[in-house]
Protein backbone atom coordinates (compact mmCIF):
# COMPACT_ATOMS: atom_id res chain seq x y z
CA MET A 1 82.11 -2.73 166.83
CA GLU A 2 82.42 0.84 165.66
CA LEU A 3 82.23 3.78 168.04
CA ARG A 4 80.99 7.07 166.63
CA VAL A 5 81.47 10.26 168.60
CA ARG A 6 80.00 13.62 167.72
CA HIS A 7 81.71 16.52 169.48
CA SER A 8 79.82 19.60 170.64
CA ASP A 9 81.24 21.58 167.71
CA GLY A 10 79.60 19.12 165.28
CA ARG A 11 82.83 17.39 164.36
CA GLY A 12 82.48 13.59 164.09
CA GLN A 13 84.90 10.79 164.74
CA SER A 14 84.69 7.00 164.29
CA GLU A 15 86.88 4.27 165.75
CA LEU A 16 86.83 0.49 165.34
CA LEU A 17 86.90 -1.20 168.74
CA PRO A 18 88.18 -4.63 169.70
CA PRO A 19 85.54 -6.81 171.41
CA ALA A 20 87.08 -6.38 174.88
CA ALA A 21 86.93 -2.58 174.57
CA ALA A 22 83.33 -2.71 173.37
CA GLY A 23 82.27 -4.56 176.52
CA ALA A 24 84.18 -2.15 178.73
CA ILE A 25 82.61 0.87 177.05
CA GLU A 26 79.11 -0.61 177.38
CA THR A 27 79.71 -1.14 181.09
CA LEU A 28 81.17 2.34 181.48
CA LEU A 29 78.21 4.00 179.77
CA SER A 30 75.72 1.95 181.76
CA LEU A 31 77.34 2.94 185.07
CA LEU A 32 77.53 6.61 184.09
CA ALA A 33 73.88 6.59 182.93
CA GLY A 34 72.97 5.13 186.33
CA GLY A 35 74.58 8.09 188.06
CA GLN A 36 77.59 6.19 189.38
CA ARG A 37 81.08 7.60 189.51
CA VAL A 38 83.63 5.69 187.45
CA ALA A 39 87.42 5.61 187.49
CA VAL A 40 89.44 4.00 184.73
CA LEU A 41 92.82 2.75 185.90
CA ALA A 42 95.47 0.45 184.48
CA GLU A 43 96.13 -2.79 186.40
CA ASP A 44 99.71 -1.69 187.05
CA GLN A 45 98.53 1.59 188.60
CA GLU A 46 99.87 1.95 192.13
CA LEU A 47 97.50 2.83 194.94
CA SER A 48 98.13 4.28 198.36
CA PRO A 49 96.60 2.52 201.37
CA SER A 50 93.85 5.16 201.43
CA GLN A 51 93.01 4.57 197.78
CA ALA A 52 93.13 0.79 198.29
CA SER A 53 90.77 1.13 201.27
CA ALA A 54 88.23 2.88 199.03
CA VAL A 55 88.40 0.03 196.48
CA LEU A 56 88.21 -2.67 199.15
CA GLY A 57 85.56 -0.99 201.30
CA ILE A 58 87.64 -1.39 204.46
CA SER A 59 89.54 1.07 206.61
CA ARG A 60 93.03 2.28 205.78
CA ALA A 61 94.27 0.63 208.98
CA LEU A 62 92.95 -2.75 207.82
CA VAL A 63 94.66 -2.27 204.44
CA VAL A 64 97.96 -1.63 206.22
CA LEU A 65 97.35 -4.73 208.36
CA ARG A 66 96.71 -6.79 205.20
CA MET A 67 99.95 -5.41 203.73
CA ASP A 68 101.94 -6.25 206.87
CA SER A 69 100.47 -9.77 207.03
CA GLY A 70 101.41 -10.47 203.41
CA ASP A 71 97.80 -10.62 202.12
CA LEU A 72 98.39 -7.55 199.95
CA PRO A 73 101.78 -7.20 198.24
CA PHE A 74 103.22 -3.70 198.30
CA ARG A 75 106.41 -1.75 197.85
CA ARG A 76 107.73 1.25 199.66
CA VAL A 77 108.32 4.57 197.95
CA GLY A 78 110.30 6.40 200.59
CA LYS A 79 108.15 6.05 203.70
CA HIS A 80 104.97 5.44 201.70
CA ARG A 81 103.38 2.10 200.79
CA ARG A 82 102.09 1.41 197.30
CA ALA A 83 100.10 -1.60 196.07
CA LEU A 84 99.30 -2.49 192.48
CA LEU A 85 95.65 -2.17 191.49
CA LYS A 86 95.67 -5.77 190.20
CA ASP A 87 96.77 -7.00 193.66
CA VAL A 88 94.10 -4.88 195.37
CA LEU A 89 91.44 -6.29 193.02
CA ALA A 90 92.68 -9.86 193.65
CA LEU A 91 92.35 -9.27 197.39
CA LYS A 92 88.89 -7.78 196.86
CA MET A 93 87.83 -10.91 194.99
CA ARG A 94 89.08 -13.12 197.84
CA LEU A 95 87.34 -10.94 200.44
CA ASP A 96 84.09 -10.99 198.43
CA ILE A 97 84.21 -14.80 198.23
CA GLN A 98 84.82 -15.03 201.98
CA ARG A 99 82.01 -12.56 202.68
CA LYS A 100 79.56 -14.56 200.55
CA ALA A 101 80.58 -17.78 202.29
CA LEU A 102 80.02 -16.19 205.69
CA GLU A 103 76.62 -14.86 204.61
CA ALA A 104 75.61 -18.35 203.43
CA LEU A 105 76.81 -19.83 206.71
CA ALA A 106 74.82 -17.25 208.67
CA GLU A 107 71.70 -18.05 206.61
CA ASP A 108 72.17 -21.77 207.30
CA ALA A 109 72.58 -21.12 211.02
CA GLU A 110 69.45 -18.95 211.05
CA ASP A 111 67.54 -21.69 209.20
CA LEU A 112 68.66 -24.29 211.74
CA ILE A 113 67.57 -22.07 214.62
CA THR A 114 64.24 -21.10 213.07
CA ASN A 115 63.18 -24.41 211.57
CA HIS A 116 64.84 -26.94 213.83
CA GLY A 117 65.06 -25.21 217.20
CA LEU A 118 68.82 -25.53 217.44
């Protein structure tokens, strides 16, 4: 895939993109066109507990609890905790799977109550 960019001064630029980059750029443009905010970070980027809480959609206190329990690996930089983005995203995936399982269980329980009087 070739990406062509025309700058505001009329200057043009073309770059050949590997397939993985093409997919990422398509997703990026789609999100931006939809009015969403986007951040591009490397997997080895370190996040503070506050930044990790924004990615995970949980409170900072719960992030610290996950760190202390060993669910989210981290290192200390002085007195501050830092977690790798890839570890935060792995935890997010696990939490999303758990959340979906709980939602399915709740739907099953509601079905049993509604349709079977249990």
